[in-house]
Amino acid sequence: MENVSTVEPTARMIHELLESENGPAPPPTTPVFTARGQPLTRYGIYKIIRRHTAQLDDARTGRRIGPHTFRHTAAVHLLEAGVEVNVIRGWLGHADLTTTNRYAEINTRAKQQALLLTEPPGASEGLRTTPIWRTDETLLNWLSSL
């Protein structure tokens, strides 16, 4: 769900932009984003995103940032916020829930929260910030040898 604080300024800016044009307001079918007077296509959006994110590509994994990255990120943030997966399915326009479940992969934050639930009551913050294995010299030496 979008934060109202970001939606209202955006809507206001678009409204002001439309009012600042000469003549009557354009019909609702008029594209908001254009390039050289033509509506921006999916490919045009892809090219813009790739141009601005190419330096963020990961050569080791071959991962690239494209429009789908934003879609995936939004779905994961909605899941983390506790939004029901079926609501996210509808928001993304998926016909089948199994497609949406791909976004429900466990991420690091979810793993950390799950581990915190297993701590005994009254566990100190210090134990959480300095895991025991970090002070086990034998274990650290063995890991370094791998």
N, C-alpha and C. Protein backbone atom coordinates (compact mmCIF):
# COMPACT_ATOMS: atom_id res chain seq x y z
N MET A 1 0.84 -1.17 0.00
CA MET A 1 0.00 0.00 0.00
C MET A 1 0.89 1.24 0.00
N GLU A 2 0.50 2.22 -0.76
CA GLU A 2 1.32 3.41 -0.86
C GLU A 2 1.07 4.32 0.32
N ASN A 3 2.10 4.98 0.72
CA ASN A 3 2.02 5.93 1.80
C ASN A 3 1.31 7.19 1.28
N VAL A 4 0.33 7.64 2.04
CA VAL A 4 -0.45 8.81 1.63
C VAL A 4 0.47 10.01 1.46
N SER A 5 1.53 10.09 2.26
CA SER A 5 2.42 11.24 2.17
C SER A 5 3.14 11.31 0.83
N THR A 6 3.29 10.18 0.12
CA THR A 6 3.92 10.22 -1.19
C THR A 6 2.90 10.33 -2.31
N VAL A 7 1.68 9.85 -2.08
CA VAL A 7 0.65 9.88 -3.11
C VAL A 7 0.13 11.30 -3.31
N GLU A 8 -0.17 12.00 -2.23
CA GLU A 8 -0.76 13.33 -2.34
C GLU A 8 0.13 14.32 -3.08
N PRO A 9 1.43 14.41 -2.76
CA PRO A 9 2.27 15.35 -3.51
C PRO A 9 2.37 14.99 -4.99
N THR A 10 2.43 13.71 -5.30
CA THR A 10 2.51 13.28 -6.70
C THR A 10 1.23 13.67 -7.43
N ALA A 11 0.09 13.37 -6.84
CA ALA A 11 -1.19 13.72 -7.47
C ALA A 11 -1.30 15.24 -7.65
N ARG A 12 -0.85 15.99 -6.63
CA ARG A 12 -0.90 17.46 -6.73
C ARG A 12 -0.02 17.96 -7.87
N MET A 13 1.18 17.39 -8.00
CA MET A 13 2.09 17.82 -9.06
C MET A 13 1.51 17.52 -10.45
N ILE A 14 0.91 16.35 -10.61
CA ILE A 14 0.30 16.00 -11.90
C ILE A 14 -0.86 16.94 -12.19
N HIS A 15 -1.67 17.21 -11.17
CA HIS A 15 -2.80 18.12 -11.34
C HIS A 15 -2.32 19.52 -11.75
N GLU A 16 -1.28 20.02 -11.07
CA GLU A 16 -0.73 21.34 -11.41
C GLU A 16 -0.16 21.34 -12.83
N LEU A 17 0.49 20.26 -13.21
CA LEU A 17 1.04 20.16 -14.56
C LEU A 17 -0.06 20.23 -15.61
N LEU A 18 -1.15 19.51 -15.36
CA LEU A 18 -2.26 19.51 -16.31
C LEU A 18 -2.93 20.89 -16.37
N GLU A 19 -3.04 21.56 -15.22
CA GLU A 19 -3.66 22.88 -15.21
C GLU A 19 -2.78 23.94 -15.87
N SER A 20 -1.45 23.74 -15.83
CA SER A 20 -0.56 24.75 -16.38
C SER A 20 -0.53 24.73 -17.91
N GLU A 21 -1.01 23.68 -18.52
CA GLU A 21 -1.04 23.61 -19.99
C GLU A 21 -2.07 24.61 -20.53
N ASN A 22 -1.83 25.12 -21.72
CA ASN A 22 -2.79 26.03 -22.34
C ASN A 22 -4.00 25.25 -22.83
N GLY A 23 -5.14 25.83 -22.68
CA GLY A 23 -6.35 25.20 -23.17
C GLY A 23 -6.98 24.29 -22.14
N PRO A 24 -8.02 23.55 -22.58
CA PRO A 24 -8.72 22.67 -21.64
C PRO A 24 -7.84 21.47 -21.24
N ALA A 25 -8.20 20.86 -20.12
CA ALA A 25 -7.47 19.69 -19.65
C ALA A 25 -7.59 18.56 -20.67
N PRO A 26 -6.55 17.77 -20.85
CA PRO A 26 -6.61 16.67 -21.80
C PRO A 26 -7.56 15.58 -21.31
N PRO A 27 -8.07 14.76 -22.23
CA PRO A 27 -8.97 13.67 -21.82
C PRO A 27 -8.21 12.65 -20.96
N PRO A 28 -8.93 11.85 -20.18
CA PRO A 28 -8.29 10.88 -19.29
C PRO A 28 -7.42 9.85 -20.02
N THR A 29 -7.64 9.65 -21.29
CA THR A 29 -6.85 8.66 -22.04
C THR A 29 -5.49 9.20 -22.49
N THR A 30 -5.25 10.49 -22.25
CA THR A 30 -3.98 11.10 -22.64
C THR A 30 -2.85 10.53 -21.78
N PRO A 31 -1.76 10.06 -22.40
CA PRO A 31 -0.66 9.50 -21.60
C PRO A 31 0.01 10.58 -20.75
N VAL A 32 0.39 10.22 -19.54
CA VAL A 32 1.07 11.15 -18.65
C VAL A 32 2.55 11.22 -19.00
N PHE A 33 3.14 10.06 -19.34
CA PHE A 33 4.57 10.01 -19.64
C PHE A 33 4.76 9.77 -21.13
N THR A 34 5.49 10.68 -21.74
CA THR A 34 5.72 10.57 -23.18
C THR A 34 7.19 10.78 -23.50
N ALA A 35 7.57 10.33 -24.68
CA ALA A 35 8.91 10.57 -25.20
C ALA A 35 8.75 10.99 -26.64
N ARG A 36 9.25 12.15 -26.97
CA ARG A 36 9.13 12.71 -28.33
C ARG A 36 7.68 12.77 -28.79
N GLY A 37 6.78 13.11 -27.87
CA GLY A 37 5.38 13.28 -28.21
C GLY A 37 4.58 11.99 -28.30
N GLN A 38 5.22 10.84 -28.08
CA GLN A 38 4.53 9.55 -28.15
C GLN A 38 4.44 8.93 -26.75
N PRO A 39 3.39 8.15 -26.50
CA PRO A 39 3.29 7.50 -25.19
C PRO A 39 4.52 6.62 -24.93
N LEU A 40 4.96 6.60 -23.70
CA LEU A 40 6.10 5.77 -23.33
C LEU A 40 5.67 4.31 -23.33
N THR A 41 6.40 3.48 -24.04
CA THR A 41 6.07 2.05 -24.12
C THR A 41 6.77 1.29 -23.00
N ARG A 42 6.41 0.01 -22.87
CA ARG A 42 7.09 -0.84 -21.89
C ARG A 42 8.58 -0.89 -22.19
N TYR A 43 8.92 -0.99 -23.45
CA TYR A 43 10.33 -1.05 -23.82
C TYR A 43 11.02 0.28 -23.50
N GLY A 44 10.34 1.39 -23.70
CA GLY A 44 10.90 2.69 -23.37
C GLY A 44 11.19 2.81 -21.89
N ILE A 45 10.27 2.33 -21.06
CA ILE A 45 10.48 2.35 -19.61
C ILE A 45 11.67 1.46 -19.26
N TYR A 46 11.74 0.28 -19.89
CA TYR A 46 12.86 -0.65 -19.65
C TYR A 46 14.19 0.04 -19.97
N LYS A 47 14.26 0.70 -21.12
CA LYS A 47 15.51 1.37 -21.52
C LYS A 47 15.91 2.46 -20.53
N ILE A 48 14.95 3.23 -20.06
CA ILE A 48 15.25 4.30 -19.10
C ILE A 48 15.80 3.70 -17.80
N ILE A 49 15.14 2.66 -17.31
CA ILE A 49 15.59 2.03 -16.07
C ILE A 49 16.98 1.42 -16.25
N ARG A 50 17.21 0.74 -17.37
CA ARG A 50 18.53 0.12 -17.62
C ARG A 50 19.62 1.20 -17.71
N ARG A 51 19.32 2.31 -18.33
CA ARG A 51 20.31 3.39 -18.48
C ARG A 51 20.73 3.92 -17.10
N HIS A 52 19.76 4.02 -16.19
CA HIS A 52 20.05 4.60 -14.88
C HIS A 52 20.53 3.59 -13.85
N THR A 53 20.43 2.30 -14.15
CA THR A 53 20.82 1.30 -13.16
C THR A 53 21.93 0.36 -13.64
N ALA A 54 22.44 0.56 -14.84
CA ALA A 54 23.46 -0.35 -15.39
C ALA A 54 24.66 -0.48 -14.46
N GLN A 55 25.05 0.61 -13.81
CA GLN A 55 26.21 0.56 -12.93
C GLN A 55 25.95 -0.28 -11.68
N LEU A 56 24.71 -0.65 -11.42
CA LEU A 56 24.38 -1.46 -10.24
C LEU A 56 24.33 -2.96 -10.55
N ASP A 57 24.51 -3.34 -11.82
CA ASP A 57 24.47 -4.75 -12.19
C ASP A 57 25.55 -5.52 -11.45
N ASP A 58 25.26 -6.76 -11.14
CA ASP A 58 26.21 -7.62 -10.43
C ASP A 58 26.80 -8.61 -11.41
N ALA A 59 28.06 -8.41 -11.80
CA ALA A 59 28.72 -9.27 -12.78
C ALA A 59 28.89 -10.69 -12.25
N ARG A 60 29.05 -10.84 -10.93
CA ARG A 60 29.25 -12.17 -10.36
C ARG A 60 28.02 -13.05 -10.51
N THR A 61 26.85 -12.50 -10.28
CA THR A 61 25.63 -13.30 -10.31
C THR A 61 24.86 -13.14 -11.61
N GLY A 62 25.22 -12.14 -12.41
CA GLY A 62 24.49 -11.88 -13.65
C GLY A 62 23.16 -11.18 -13.42
N ARG A 63 22.91 -10.73 -12.20
CA ARG A 63 21.64 -10.05 -11.89
C ARG A 63 21.66 -8.63 -12.42
N ARG A 64 20.56 -8.26 -13.06
CA ARG A 64 20.41 -6.92 -13.61
C ARG A 64 19.14 -6.31 -13.05
N ILE A 65 19.12 -4.98 -13.01
CA ILE A 65 17.94 -4.28 -12.51
C ILE A 65 17.11 -3.84 -13.70
N GLY A 66 15.84 -4.19 -13.68
CA GLY A 66 14.90 -3.80 -14.71
C GLY A 66 13.58 -3.44 -14.06
N PRO A 67 12.56 -3.16 -14.82
CA PRO A 67 11.26 -2.79 -14.25
C PRO A 67 10.70 -3.87 -13.31
N HIS A 68 10.97 -5.13 -13.63
CA HIS A 68 10.44 -6.21 -12.80
C HIS A 68 11.04 -6.18 -11.39
N THR A 69 12.25 -5.65 -11.26
CA THR A 69 12.88 -5.54 -9.94
C THR A 69 12.01 -4.68 -9.02
N PHE A 70 11.46 -3.60 -9.55
CA PHE A 70 10.60 -2.73 -8.74
C PHE A 70 9.31 -3.45 -8.36
N ARG A 71 8.76 -4.21 -9.29
CA ARG A 71 7.55 -4.98 -9.03
C ARG A 71 7.80 -6.00 -7.93
N HIS A 72 8.91 -6.73 -8.05
CA HIS A 72 9.28 -7.74 -7.07
C HIS A 72 9.51 -7.10 -5.69
N THR A 73 10.23 -5.98 -5.67
CA THR A 73 10.51 -5.29 -4.42
C THR A 73 9.23 -4.83 -3.75
N ALA A 74 8.31 -4.27 -4.52
CA ALA A 74 7.03 -3.83 -3.96
C ALA A 74 6.27 -5.00 -3.36
N ALA A 75 6.26 -6.14 -4.05
CA ALA A 75 5.55 -7.32 -3.54
C ALA A 75 6.18 -7.81 -2.24
N VAL A 76 7.50 -7.84 -2.17
CA VAL A 76 8.18 -8.30 -0.96
C VAL A 76 7.90 -7.33 0.20
N HIS A 77 7.93 -6.03 -0.07
CA HIS A 77 7.63 -5.05 0.99
C HIS A 77 6.19 -5.20 1.48
N LEU A 78 5.27 -5.46 0.58
CA LEU A 78 3.88 -5.68 0.99
C LEU A 78 3.78 -6.92 1.89
N LEU A 79 4.48 -7.99 1.51
CA LEU A 79 4.49 -9.20 2.34
C LEU A 79 5.07 -8.92 3.72
N GLU A 80 6.20 -8.19 3.75
CA GLU A 80 6.83 -7.86 5.02
C GLU A 80 5.93 -6.99 5.89
N ALA A 81 5.09 -6.20 5.26
CA ALA A 81 4.17 -5.33 6.01
C ALA A 81 2.96 -6.10 6.51
N GLY A 82 2.88 -7.39 6.16
CA GLY A 82 1.78 -8.21 6.64
C GLY A 82 0.56 -8.24 5.74
N VAL A 83 0.68 -7.75 4.52
CA VAL A 83 -0.45 -7.77 3.60
C VAL A 83 -0.68 -9.21 3.15
N GLU A 84 -1.91 -9.64 3.15
CA GLU A 84 -2.29 -11.00 2.76
C GLU A 84 -1.85 -11.28 1.33
N VAL A 85 -1.27 -12.48 1.11
CA VAL A 85 -0.71 -12.82 -0.20
C VAL A 85 -1.77 -12.78 -1.30
N ASN A 86 -3.02 -13.08 -0.97
CA ASN A 86 -4.08 -13.05 -1.98
C ASN A 86 -4.39 -11.61 -2.41
N VAL A 87 -4.23 -10.65 -1.50
CA VAL A 87 -4.42 -9.24 -1.84
C VAL A 87 -3.29 -8.81 -2.79
N ILE A 88 -2.08 -9.26 -2.49
CA ILE A 88 -0.94 -8.94 -3.35
C ILE A 88 -1.13 -9.56 -4.73
N ARG A 89 -1.66 -10.78 -4.77
CA ARG A 89 -1.96 -11.44 -6.05
C ARG A 89 -2.87 -10.56 -6.89
N GLY A 90 -3.93 -10.05 -6.28
CA GLY A 90 -4.86 -9.18 -7.02
C GLY A 90 -4.20 -7.88 -7.45
N TRP A 91 -3.37 -7.32 -6.60
CA TRP A 91 -2.70 -6.06 -6.90
C TRP A 91 -1.73 -6.22 -8.06
N LEU A 92 -1.04 -7.38 -8.11
CA LEU A 92 -0.10 -7.64 -9.20
C LEU A 92 -0.80 -8.12 -10.47
N GLY A 93 -2.06 -8.51 -10.33
CA GLY A 93 -2.81 -8.97 -11.51
C GLY A 93 -2.54 -10.41 -11.87
N HIS A 94 -2.06 -11.20 -10.93
CA HIS A 94 -1.81 -12.62 -11.20
C HIS A 94 -3.11 -13.40 -11.17
N ALA A 95 -3.30 -14.27 -12.15
CA ALA A 95 -4.50 -15.11 -12.18
C ALA A 95 -4.36 -16.27 -11.19
N ASP A 96 -3.13 -16.73 -10.99
CA ASP A 96 -2.88 -17.90 -10.16
C ASP A 96 -2.04 -17.52 -8.95
N LEU A 97 -2.44 -17.98 -7.78
CA LEU A 97 -1.73 -17.66 -6.55
C LEU A 97 -0.32 -18.23 -6.53
N THR A 98 -0.07 -19.33 -7.24
CA THR A 98 1.28 -19.91 -7.25
C THR A 98 2.28 -18.95 -7.88
N THR A 99 1.84 -18.13 -8.81
CA THR A 99 2.72 -17.12 -9.41
C THR A 99 3.14 -16.11 -8.36
N THR A 100 2.19 -15.66 -7.54
CA THR A 100 2.48 -14.69 -6.50
C THR A 100 3.38 -15.29 -5.42
N ASN A 101 3.23 -16.58 -5.16
CA ASN A 101 4.03 -17.22 -4.11
C ASN A 101 5.52 -17.15 -4.39
N ARG A 102 5.91 -16.92 -5.63
CA ARG A 102 7.34 -16.75 -5.93
C ARG A 102 7.91 -15.55 -5.18
N TYR A 103 7.08 -14.55 -4.95
CA TYR A 103 7.53 -13.36 -4.24
C TYR A 103 7.64 -13.61 -2.74
N ALA A 104 7.05 -14.67 -2.28
CA ALA A 104 7.00 -14.94 -0.84
C ALA A 104 8.24 -15.69 -0.35
N GLU A 105 9.30 -15.70 -1.16
CA GLU A 105 10.51 -16.37 -0.72
C GLU A 105 11.01 -15.75 0.57
N ILE A 106 11.62 -16.56 1.38
CA ILE A 106 12.08 -16.09 2.67
C ILE A 106 13.29 -15.17 2.46
N ASN A 107 13.23 -14.01 3.06
CA ASN A 107 14.35 -13.10 2.96
C ASN A 107 15.07 -13.01 4.30
N THR A 108 16.17 -12.34 4.33
CA THR A 108 17.00 -12.27 5.53
C THR A 108 16.25 -11.71 6.72
N ARG A 109 15.47 -10.67 6.49
CA ARG A 109 14.74 -10.06 7.61
C ARG A 109 13.73 -11.05 8.20
N ALA A 110 13.05 -11.81 7.35
CA ALA A 110 12.09 -12.79 7.83
C ALA A 110 12.81 -13.89 8.62
N LYS A 111 13.99 -14.30 8.14
CA LYS A 111 14.77 -15.32 8.85
C LYS A 111 15.18 -14.80 10.22
N GLN A 112 15.64 -13.55 10.28
CA GLN A 112 16.08 -12.99 11.55
C GLN A 112 14.91 -12.90 12.53
N GLN A 113 13.75 -12.48 12.05
CA GLN A 113 12.58 -12.40 12.93
C GLN A 113 12.18 -13.78 13.44
N ALA A 114 12.28 -14.81 12.58
CA ALA A 114 11.96 -16.16 13.00
C ALA A 114 12.92 -16.63 14.09
N LEU A 115 14.20 -16.31 13.93
CA LEU A 115 15.18 -16.70 14.94
C LEU A 115 14.94 -15.98 16.26
N LEU A 116 14.55 -14.72 16.20
CA LEU A 116 14.27 -13.99 17.44
C LEU A 116 13.12 -14.62 18.22
N LEU A 117 12.18 -15.24 17.51
CA LEU A 117 11.06 -15.89 18.19
C LEU A 117 11.50 -17.12 18.98
N THR A 118 12.65 -17.68 18.62
CA THR A 118 13.12 -18.88 19.32
C THR A 118 13.97 -18.57 20.55
N GLU A 119 14.29 -17.30 20.78
CA GLU A 119 15.10 -16.92 21.94
C GLU A 119 14.32 -17.11 23.22
N PRO A 120 15.03 -17.52 24.27
CA PRO A 120 14.35 -17.63 25.56
C PRO A 120 13.92 -16.26 26.07
N PRO A 121 12.89 -16.20 26.86
CA PRO A 121 12.45 -14.91 27.40
C PRO A 121 13.58 -14.23 28.17
N GLY A 122 13.72 -12.93 27.97
CA GLY A 122 14.73 -12.17 28.69
C GLY A 122 16.12 -12.25 28.10
N ALA A 123 16.28 -12.78 26.88
CA ALA A 123 17.60 -12.83 26.27
C ALA A 123 18.12 -11.41 26.09
N SER A 124 19.40 -11.22 26.35
CA SER A 124 19.94 -9.86 26.30
C SER A 124 20.21 -9.42 24.88
N GLU A 125 20.17 -8.10 24.67
CA GLU A 125 20.47 -7.51 23.36
C GLU A 125 21.91 -7.83 22.97
N GLY A 126 22.82 -7.86 23.93
CA GLY A 126 24.23 -8.14 23.66
C GLY A 126 24.43 -9.48 22.99
N LEU A 127 23.67 -10.49 23.40
CA LEU A 127 23.79 -11.81 22.77
C LEU A 127 23.34 -11.78 21.32
N ARG A 128 22.34 -10.96 21.03
CA ARG A 128 21.85 -10.87 19.66
C ARG A 128 22.83 -10.16 18.75
N THR A 129 23.52 -9.15 19.26
CA THR A 129 24.42 -8.38 18.41
C THR A 129 25.79 -9.05 18.25
N THR A 130 26.19 -9.91 19.18
CA THR A 130 27.47 -10.62 19.09
C THR A 130 27.19 -12.12 19.20
N PRO A 131 26.99 -12.79 18.07
CA PRO A 131 26.72 -14.23 18.12
C PRO A 131 27.87 -14.99 18.78
N ILE A 132 27.55 -16.05 19.46
CA ILE A 132 28.54 -16.85 20.17
C ILE A 132 29.62 -17.35 19.23
N TRP A 133 29.27 -17.73 18.01
CA TRP A 133 30.26 -18.29 17.09
C TRP A 133 31.37 -17.30 16.76
N ARG A 134 31.09 -16.01 16.90
CA ARG A 134 32.12 -15.00 16.59
C ARG A 134 33.23 -14.97 17.64
N THR A 135 32.98 -15.54 18.79
CA THR A 135 34.00 -15.57 19.84
C THR A 135 34.64 -16.95 19.96
N ASP A 136 34.19 -17.92 19.18
CA ASP A 136 34.74 -19.27 19.21
C ASP A 136 35.93 -19.35 18.26
N GLU A 137 37.13 -19.19 18.82
CA GLU A 137 38.36 -19.13 18.02
C GLU A 137 38.57 -20.40 17.20
N THR A 138 38.26 -21.56 17.75
CA THR A 138 38.43 -22.83 17.02
C THR A 138 37.54 -22.87 15.80
N LEU A 139 36.29 -22.49 15.97
CA LEU A 139 35.34 -22.48 14.87
C LEU A 139 35.76 -21.47 13.80
N LEU A 140 36.16 -20.27 14.22
CA LEU A 140 36.58 -19.26 13.26
C LEU A 140 37.80 -19.71 12.46
N ASN A 141 38.77 -20.36 13.12
CA ASN A 141 39.94 -20.86 12.41
C ASN A 141 39.55 -21.94 11.40
N TRP A 142 38.63 -22.81 11.80
CA TRP A 142 38.19 -23.87 10.89
C TRP A 142 37.48 -23.27 9.68
N LEU A 143 36.61 -22.28 9.91
CA LEU A 143 35.91 -21.62 8.81
C LEU A 143 36.88 -20.92 7.88
N SER A 144 37.91 -20.29 8.45
CA SER A 144 38.92 -19.61 7.63
C SER A 144 39.69 -20.58 6.75
N SER A 145 39.85 -21.80 7.22
CA SER A 145 40.62 -22.79 6.45
C SER A 145 39.85 -23.34 5.26
N LEU A 146 38.56 -23.12 5.21
CA LEU A 146 37.75 -23.67 4.11
C LEU A 146 38.01 -22.96 2.80
